[in-house]
Amino acid sequence: MEILSDPNSLWVLSCSILLGISAGWLGCFALLRKEALAGDALAHAALPGVTVAFMLFQSHARWVLLPGALLSCFAAYGCLLFLTRVMRMKSDSALAFVLSFFFALGIFHLTQLQKETYSHQAGLDKMLFGQAAALVSHDVLVVAVMCAALLLVLIVLFQRLRMTSFDPLFCRAAGIPSHRYDLLFGFLLVCTVVVGLDLVGVVLMAALLITPAAAARYWTNDLPRMILLSSFFGACSGAFGVVVSFYAPKMPTGPWIVVFATAFLLVSLLIAPERGVIARRLRHRSFQRKIREENLLRALFRFEEDGISAPHSLQSIVQIRPTLANTLDATISALERLGELTREPDGLRLTREGLARAERVTRYHRLWEVYLSRMVNIPSHMLHEGAENVEHLLTEEMESELLLEIEGVNQDPHGKPIPQRVEPESGDEK
């Protein structure tokens, strides 16, 4: 690739990948600690430190501006801790105050610099959105060292950080000084924010911290896997943003990095197998189809209980189950494919498999009515609706637990018999 033969672009690419990995890793802990906006507040708080450092030393050198940004971020984090822990201010209010105050202070300083006769002040406002094209080999070394140190600390203290992130109360009860790890996390967050200022700037740094982690959260419940995915998304976002900026020089690098990170989030939001919108929609449709099928089977079973011989007309089914009217044909077709009922000229007839499923659902319904009546003391006229909602969710394991609570019951509160549990024959077991 042409980009690999250009030294300056190679430095920027290396910085972007390293920063994406570090920010993705740390962003997972920020997300789990519910401190996602802390990165945004700290990123904005870096601006006054940069401007004050420039006014004092009148230099654009990294060794001048970065310490100023560090001190400003530490001051902002100290304010956050003071407001939330000492003054008992709500975290969202404290974040809003710190972000707006420090960022306003930085904008004020930038305005003053434009009015005064400071030399070399031009370009300082690029810290708002990053200036990745200005990175050189020395900057890559600084970023690499800080990212390596950050990753080393995260690896060594991974278990403690995980414990303090998920259950800080347990850590305090176990004698683990969780407040020290909170301070350490704040230190790591500040360092990551400051390192990323040159690449994506004050305004967009929070997106690089949180967006890859949010995307990874859709794919897994396992923290190590989430960290790996988040680091991968962060690294790819950094690399893709640099590539676009290289082939389209007028396109800024920082915003494109955030655009690709957001693209990963949107794709994850749509197609993730557990939490994705499409997967949840499919599960919802499947569950609604299951409800319609079981309601139809229960209606047919009710006729059998009342001594009404099959086949049963569609009109009689709609009379006792009006909600099935609009979807009755589709539900019948689905149950026919499952072999649980047959359609005859005069109506519908349950097969052996359909009868077994109808008895099971009816059993769940009436067992739950007994449970609500005995254990929760719900009046009998209110039992049906509650059982109607739960019968489709019960499993054999939950049924066994119910039987332990209501042992020896053969009738529901309305006097109707509870169908017996049918155990599978040994020849049917696989």
Foldseek 3Di string as FASTA:
>chain_A
DVLVVDQLLVLLLLLQLLLLLLLLQLLLLCVLLVNLLLLLLLLLQLLLLQLVLCVVVVDPDCVRRLVSSLVSSVVLVVQLCCCCPVVVDDNVVSSVVSSVVSNVNNVVSLVVVVVDDRPPPPPSVCLAFAASSPDHPVLSVVSVVLSVVSVVVCVVCVVVSVCCSNPVPVCVVVVNPSVVVVVVSSSNSSSSSSSCSNQGHSNCSSLSNHLLLLLLVLADPDSVSSSVSSSVQSSVLQNVLSVVCVVVVVRRSNVSSSVSSVVSNLVSCADHCPNHPPNVVVVVVVLVLLLLLLLLLLLQVVCVVVVNDDDDAPVSSCVVVVVCVVPVVVSVVVCVVVVQWDADPRHIDGDPVSNLSNLQLQLQLQLQQQCCCPVVVDDNVPSNVVSSVCSSPDDPVNVVVSCVVVPPDQAGPVRHGRDDRDDDDPVPDD
